[in-house]
N, C-alpha and C. Protein backbone atom coordinates (compact mmCIF):
# COMPACT_ATOMS: atom_id res chain seq x y z
N MET A 1 100.00 86.94 121.21
CA MET A 1 101.29 86.72 121.23
C MET A 1 101.78 87.09 122.69
N LYS A 2 101.22 88.02 123.16
CA LYS A 2 101.74 88.49 124.54
C LYS A 2 101.24 87.42 125.50
N PHE A 3 100.08 86.93 125.12
CA PHE A 3 99.47 85.98 126.24
C PHE A 3 100.71 84.59 126.10
N ILE A 4 101.01 84.24 124.99
CA ILE A 4 101.84 83.21 125.01
C ILE A 4 103.29 83.16 125.51
N LEU A 5 103.83 84.49 125.16
CA LEU A 5 104.90 84.80 125.82
C LEU A 5 105.14 85.06 127.39
N PHE A 6 103.60 85.42 127.76
CA PHE A 6 103.54 85.06 129.24
C PHE A 6 103.50 84.28 130.01
N ILE A 7 103.09 83.03 129.64
CA ILE A 7 102.95 81.37 129.80
C ILE A 7 104.43 81.00 129.81
N PHE A 8 104.96 81.51 128.57
CA PHE A 8 106.41 81.03 128.46
C PHE A 8 107.25 81.50 129.45
N GLY A 9 107.15 82.91 129.87
CA GLY A 9 108.01 83.41 130.74
C GLY A 9 107.60 82.85 132.14
N CYS A 10 106.35 82.45 132.52
CA CYS A 10 106.17 81.60 133.63
C CYS A 10 106.76 80.41 134.02
N TYR A 11 106.55 79.91 132.89
CA TYR A 11 107.20 78.29 132.90
C TYR A 11 108.65 78.30 133.06
N CYS A 12 109.30 79.35 132.12
CA CYS A 12 110.79 79.64 132.47
C CYS A 12 111.09 79.96 134.00
N ILE A 13 110.23 80.49 134.72
CA ILE A 13 110.58 81.04 135.76
C ILE A 13 110.40 79.59 136.88
N PHE A 14 109.43 79.09 136.69
CA PHE A 14 109.19 77.77 137.43
C PHE A 14 110.24 76.81 137.35
N SER A 15 110.79 76.78 135.95
CA SER A 15 111.61 75.48 135.82
C SER A 15 113.13 76.16 136.28
N ALA A 16 113.55 77.43 136.33
CA ALA A 16 114.63 78.01 136.61
C ALA A 16 114.65 77.57 138.04
N VAL A 17 113.84 77.91 138.71
CA VAL A 17 113.85 77.74 140.26
C VAL A 17 113.96 76.19 140.40
N LEU A 18 113.55 75.34 139.93
CA LEU A 18 113.75 73.87 140.36
C LEU A 18 115.17 73.64 139.96
N ASP A 19 115.63 74.27 138.60
CA ASP A 19 116.84 73.56 138.22
C ASP A 19 117.70 74.83 137.61
N PHE A 20 118.46 75.80 138.54
CA PHE A 20 118.89 76.93 137.95
C PHE A 20 120.05 76.70 136.83
N SER A 21 119.43 77.31 135.97
CA SER A 21 120.06 77.47 134.37
C SER A 21 120.17 78.66 133.82
N PHE A 22 121.42 79.56 133.62
CA PHE A 22 121.40 80.87 133.25
C PHE A 22 120.85 81.09 131.95
N TYR A 23 120.87 80.05 131.25
CA TYR A 23 119.86 80.53 129.72
C TYR A 23 118.41 80.66 130.00
N LYS A 24 117.99 79.99 131.06
CA LYS A 24 116.71 80.18 131.45
C LYS A 24 116.27 81.54 131.59
N ILE A 25 117.15 82.35 132.52
CA ILE A 25 117.03 83.33 132.99
C ILE A 25 117.25 84.52 132.04
N ILE A 26 117.85 84.18 130.67
CA ILE A 26 117.79 85.14 129.72
C ILE A 26 116.45 85.03 129.10
N LEU A 27 115.98 83.43 128.99
CA LEU A 27 114.72 83.59 128.11
C LEU A 27 113.88 84.07 129.02
N ILE A 28 113.63 84.35 130.48
CA ILE A 28 112.49 84.69 131.02
C ILE A 28 112.75 86.40 131.00
N ILE A 29 114.01 87.25 130.79
CA ILE A 29 113.93 88.35 130.49
C ILE A 29 113.54 88.67 129.08
N VAL A 30 114.16 87.83 128.09
CA VAL A 30 113.57 88.22 126.57
C VAL A 30 112.32 87.79 126.40
N SER A 31 111.15 87.23 127.20
CA SER A 31 110.00 87.02 127.32
C SER A 31 109.07 87.89 127.49
N PHE A 32 109.94 88.36 128.91
CA PHE A 32 109.19 89.65 129.49
C PHE A 32 109.22 91.04 128.88
N TYR A 33 110.22 90.93 127.72
CA TYR A 33 110.59 92.34 127.30
C TYR A 33 109.53 92.37 125.99
N GLY A 34 109.50 91.11 125.44
CA GLY A 34 108.15 90.81 124.30
C GLY A 34 107.15 91.40 125.01
N ILE A 35 106.66 91.23 126.13
CA ILE A 35 105.32 91.49 126.71
C ILE A 35 105.17 93.11 126.69
N MET A 36 106.06 93.52 127.32
CA MET A 36 106.28 94.95 127.72
C MET A 36 106.23 96.13 126.40
N TYR A 37 106.93 95.13 125.20
CA TYR A 37 107.37 96.41 124.33
C TYR A 37 105.94 96.70 123.40
N LYS A 38 106.12 98.16 122.87
CA LYS A 38 105.02 99.01 122.55
C LYS A 38 105.59 99.99 121.52
N LYS A 39 105.09 100.14 120.58
CA LYS A 39 105.69 100.99 119.33
C LYS A 39 104.25 101.46 119.05
N LYS A 40 104.57 103.25 119.10
CA LYS A 40 103.61 103.92 118.60
C LYS A 40 103.88 105.01 117.65
N ILE A 41 103.20 105.44 116.95
CA ILE A 41 103.50 106.50 115.83
C ILE A 41 102.43 107.36 115.62
N TYR A 42 102.59 108.54 115.71
CA TYR A 42 101.75 110.04 115.43
C TYR A 42 102.24 110.65 114.42
N ILE A 43 101.11 110.98 113.64
CA ILE A 43 101.61 112.07 112.78
C ILE A 43 100.65 113.11 112.82
N SER A 44 101.23 114.26 113.08
CA SER A 44 100.82 115.39 113.44
C SER A 44 101.35 116.41 112.43
N SER A 45 100.51 117.84 112.49
CA SER A 45 101.23 119.26 111.75
C SER A 45 102.71 119.70 111.82
N ASP A 46 103.26 119.35 113.16
CA ASP A 46 104.70 119.39 112.94
C ASP A 46 105.49 118.32 112.53
N GLY A 47 104.92 117.04 112.51
CA GLY A 47 105.96 115.90 111.94
C GLY A 47 105.37 114.41 112.18
N ILE A 48 106.44 113.82 112.31
CA ILE A 48 105.91 112.31 112.75
C ILE A 48 106.56 112.15 113.92
N THR A 49 106.29 111.52 114.80
CA THR A 49 106.82 111.24 116.31
C THR A 49 106.65 109.28 116.32
N LYS A 50 107.33 108.90 116.68
CA LYS A 50 108.11 107.61 116.97
C LYS A 50 108.15 107.34 118.48
N GLU A 51 107.09 106.75 119.20
CA GLU A 51 107.62 106.32 120.59
C GLU A 51 107.68 104.45 120.62
N VAL A 52 108.56 104.27 121.43
CA VAL A 52 108.73 103.07 121.63
C VAL A 52 108.90 102.83 123.03
N TYR A 53 107.97 102.15 123.65
CA TYR A 53 108.00 101.27 125.07
C TYR A 53 108.84 100.13 125.37
N GLY A 54 109.09 100.22 126.43
CA GLY A 54 110.34 98.82 126.68
C GLY A 54 110.38 98.90 128.10
N ILE A 55 110.80 97.57 128.50
CA ILE A 55 111.39 97.48 130.08
C ILE A 55 112.42 98.54 130.27
N LEU A 56 113.46 99.22 129.64
CA LEU A 56 114.38 100.01 129.97
C LEU A 56 114.01 101.31 129.97
N GLY A 57 112.70 101.69 129.41
CA GLY A 57 112.25 103.20 129.25
C GLY A 57 111.39 103.44 127.82
N ILE A 58 111.48 104.55 127.93
CA ILE A 58 110.80 105.13 126.49
C ILE A 58 111.72 105.77 125.83
N SER A 59 111.69 105.39 124.65
CA SER A 59 112.33 105.84 123.29
C SER A 59 111.63 106.92 122.50
N LYS A 60 111.85 108.04 122.21
CA LYS A 60 111.23 108.80 121.11
C LYS A 60 111.86 109.39 120.39
N GLU A 61 111.52 109.38 119.35
CA GLU A 61 112.39 110.05 117.59
C GLU A 61 111.15 110.82 117.13
N PHE A 62 111.95 112.19 116.65
CA PHE A 62 110.84 112.93 115.85
C PHE A 62 111.30 113.24 114.56
N LEU A 63 110.65 113.12 113.31
CA LEU A 63 111.22 113.69 112.32
C LEU A 63 109.92 114.62 111.68
N PRO A 64 110.46 115.98 111.74
CA PRO A 64 109.75 117.17 111.33
C PRO A 64 109.71 117.16 110.06
N TRP A 65 108.61 118.04 109.44
CA TRP A 65 108.09 117.65 107.83
C TRP A 65 109.20 118.42 107.01
N LYS A 66 110.01 119.59 107.72
CA LYS A 66 110.75 120.18 106.75
C LYS A 66 112.04 119.26 106.39
N ASP A 67 112.18 118.27 107.09
CA ASP A 67 113.56 117.58 106.70
C ASP A 67 113.02 116.19 105.95
N VAL A 68 111.71 116.26 105.51
CA VAL A 68 111.33 115.22 104.63
C VAL A 68 111.61 115.51 103.44
N LYS A 69 112.14 114.88 102.55
CA LYS A 69 112.69 115.49 101.16
C LYS A 69 111.84 114.23 100.09
N ALA A 70 111.33 113.03 100.55
CA ALA A 70 110.64 112.48 99.59
C ALA A 70 109.62 111.49 100.29
N ALA A 71 108.78 111.25 99.98
CA ALA A 71 107.43 110.17 100.42
C ALA A 71 106.93 108.96 99.50
N THR A 72 107.57 107.87 99.51
CA THR A 72 107.44 106.74 98.40
C THR A 72 106.39 105.88 99.19
N PHE A 73 105.35 105.65 98.20
CA PHE A 73 104.32 104.72 98.70
C PHE A 73 104.24 103.39 98.22
N ALA A 74 104.47 102.26 98.67
CA ALA A 74 104.66 100.94 98.42
C ALA A 74 103.69 100.08 98.64
N TYR A 75 102.67 99.51 97.49
CA TYR A 75 101.69 98.86 98.13
C TYR A 75 101.93 97.12 98.21
N LYS A 76 100.85 96.80 99.18
CA LYS A 76 100.89 95.38 98.96
C LYS A 76 99.68 94.94 99.81
N GLY A 77 98.88 94.15 99.19
CA GLY A 77 97.32 93.80 99.62
C GLY A 77 96.88 94.75 99.92
N ASP A 78 96.29 94.67 101.59
CA ASP A 78 95.56 95.95 101.86
C ASP A 78 96.30 96.70 102.81
N MET A 79 97.82 97.03 102.55
CA MET A 79 98.70 97.34 103.33
C MET A 79 99.12 98.50 102.81
N VAL A 80 99.80 99.68 102.87
CA VAL A 80 100.62 100.62 102.28
C VAL A 80 101.91 100.69 102.90
N MET A 81 102.83 100.62 102.62
CA MET A 81 104.45 101.14 103.16
C MET A 81 104.68 102.41 102.83
N VAL A 82 105.17 103.40 103.68
CA VAL A 82 105.48 104.72 103.10
C VAL A 82 107.00 104.99 103.57
N PHE A 83 107.79 105.18 102.94
CA PHE A 83 109.23 105.75 103.14
C PHE A 83 109.37 107.31 103.22
N PHE A 84 109.51 107.61 104.22
CA PHE A 84 109.67 109.06 104.46
C PHE A 84 111.14 109.17 104.50
N GLU A 85 111.91 109.96 103.04
CA GLU A 85 113.04 110.03 103.43
C GLU A 85 113.72 111.22 103.66
N ARG A 86 114.87 111.47 104.65
CA ARG A 86 115.42 112.58 104.89
C ARG A 86 117.02 112.24 104.25
N GLY A 87 117.28 112.62 103.16
CA GLY A 87 118.80 112.79 102.65
C GLY A 87 118.83 110.83 102.24
N ILE A 88 119.66 110.57 102.82
CA ILE A 88 120.38 109.13 102.42
C ILE A 88 118.95 108.01 103.55
N THR A 89 119.14 108.60 104.49
CA THR A 89 118.21 107.79 105.44
C THR A 89 116.87 108.21 105.83
N GLY A 90 116.21 107.44 106.49
CA GLY A 90 114.36 107.85 106.79
C GLY A 90 113.87 106.91 107.47
N TRP A 91 112.62 107.12 107.37
CA TRP A 91 111.86 106.16 108.14
C TRP A 91 110.55 105.56 107.10
N LYS A 92 110.25 104.18 107.37
CA LYS A 92 109.22 103.19 106.81
C LYS A 92 108.17 102.77 107.55
N LEU A 93 107.05 103.31 107.30
CA LEU A 93 105.85 103.09 108.05
C LEU A 93 104.84 102.28 107.53
N LEU A 94 104.13 101.42 107.99
CA LEU A 94 103.38 100.67 107.46
C LEU A 94 101.79 101.36 107.95
N PHE A 95 101.03 101.10 107.16
CA PHE A 95 99.68 101.82 107.27
C PHE A 95 98.52 100.94 106.53
N LYS A 96 97.36 101.40 107.02
CA LYS A 96 95.83 100.43 106.18
C LYS A 96 95.96 101.15 104.87
N ARG A 97 95.57 100.58 103.60
CA ARG A 97 95.75 101.31 102.34
C ARG A 97 94.45 102.12 102.38
N SER A 98 93.47 102.17 103.29
CA SER A 98 92.60 103.12 103.32
C SER A 98 92.81 104.78 103.91
N ASP A 99 93.89 104.63 104.35
CA ASP A 99 94.65 105.72 104.92
C ASP A 99 95.32 106.53 103.93
N GLU A 100 95.85 106.00 102.77
CA GLU A 100 96.71 106.45 101.76
C GLU A 100 96.05 107.61 101.19
N PRO A 101 94.92 108.33 100.92
CA PRO A 101 94.35 109.56 100.33
C PRO A 101 94.83 110.59 101.70
N LEU A 102 94.53 110.07 102.63
CA LEU A 102 94.43 110.74 103.75
C LEU A 102 96.28 111.72 103.89
N LEU A 103 97.09 110.48 103.77
CA LEU A 103 98.77 110.71 104.15
C LEU A 103 98.89 111.45 102.73
N GLU A 104 98.45 111.16 101.55
CA GLU A 104 98.97 111.91 100.42
C GLU A 104 98.53 113.56 100.83
N GLU A 105 97.27 113.73 101.45
CA GLU A 105 96.89 115.09 101.74
C GLU A 105 97.69 115.73 102.90
N ILE A 106 98.22 115.09 103.60
CA ILE A 106 98.96 115.64 104.73
C ILE A 106 100.35 116.01 103.98
N ILE A 107 100.82 115.09 103.61
CA ILE A 107 102.30 115.14 103.03
C ILE A 107 102.31 116.62 102.01
N LYS A 108 101.26 116.46 101.11
CA LYS A 108 101.17 117.85 100.28
C LYS A 108 100.92 119.13 101.27
N LYS A 109 100.19 118.97 102.22
CA LYS A 109 99.91 120.01 103.04
C LYS A 109 100.85 120.55 103.90
N TYR A 110 101.81 119.72 104.48
CA TYR A 110 102.59 120.13 105.49
C TYR A 110 104.20 119.86 104.84
N ALA A 111 104.44 119.21 104.15
CA ALA A 111 105.54 118.93 103.50
C ALA A 111 105.39 119.47 102.09
N PRO A 112 105.33 120.27 101.20
CA PRO A 112 105.22 120.69 100.02
C PRO A 112 106.44 120.31 99.24
N GLN A 113 107.41 120.62 99.82
CA GLN A 113 108.77 120.34 99.10
C GLN A 113 109.10 118.87 98.90
N ALA A 114 108.53 117.90 99.44
CA ALA A 114 108.90 116.62 99.60
C ALA A 114 108.29 116.11 98.24
N GLU A 115 108.81 115.15 97.58
CA GLU A 115 108.49 114.45 96.18
C GLU A 115 107.89 113.19 96.74
N VAL A 116 106.47 112.77 95.82
CA VAL A 116 105.85 112.01 96.32
C VAL A 116 106.05 111.19 95.19
N ASP A 117 106.43 109.59 95.71
CA ASP A 117 106.61 108.84 94.31
C ASP A 117 105.75 107.24 94.84
N PHE A 118 105.46 106.64 93.70
CA PHE A 118 104.56 105.38 93.76
C PHE A 118 105.13 104.18 93.41
N LEU A 119 105.39 103.06 94.60
CA LEU A 119 106.05 102.05 93.75
C LEU A 119 104.78 100.88 93.45
N GLY A 120 105.27 100.19 92.31
CA GLY A 120 104.40 98.79 91.78
C GLY A 120 103.58 99.59 90.92
N ASN A 121 102.34 98.65 90.54
CA ASN A 121 101.59 99.11 89.45
C ASN A 121 100.28 99.49 89.69
N TYR A 122 100.30 100.28 91.15
CA TYR A 122 98.96 100.70 91.33
C TYR A 122 99.08 101.98 90.97
N THR A 123 97.15 102.08 90.61
CA THR A 123 96.79 103.11 89.81
C THR A 123 95.60 103.52 90.74
N LYS A 124 95.07 104.71 90.88
CA LYS A 124 93.97 105.00 91.69
C LYS A 124 92.79 104.39 91.40
N ASN A 125 92.73 104.04 90.00
CA ASN A 125 91.11 103.34 89.48
C ASN A 125 91.39 102.06 89.89
N SER A 126 92.45 101.32 90.04
CA SER A 126 92.60 99.83 90.02
C SER A 126 92.24 99.04 91.15
N LYS A 127 91.95 98.16 91.28
CA LYS A 127 91.41 97.20 92.33
C LYS A 127 92.72 96.85 93.21
N LYS A 128 92.52 96.60 94.50
CA LYS A 128 93.30 96.45 95.61
C LYS A 128 94.06 95.05 95.05
N GLN A 129 95.43 95.15 95.23
CA GLN A 129 95.96 93.90 94.52
C GLN A 129 96.38 92.71 95.96
């Protein structure tokens, strides 16, 4: 995807130089932003850290385990989405289904006050849906 955005950005630069158009400059900026955009998520004993790297800089957010009121697991294919709730708001993060037992263990260890729920008709002994 980044390669396609790079080629598209180069094309826009070339065509903008030949025939100046304001919208092409905006397309150049957007395509290079897509190339530079990166998101990283870390889970540690302190909490969950979300880092977003972009053209304008780095944005970091931190969700400590003591603020997590509930964790809800939702299953789809070979992926699991976990909703970490803190009151009305929270974070939703996507993981591989094979990471689910480790995530449950981490939540029980570092956020024992958090209620753990499961969405869907998934049971531990069922096949992957």
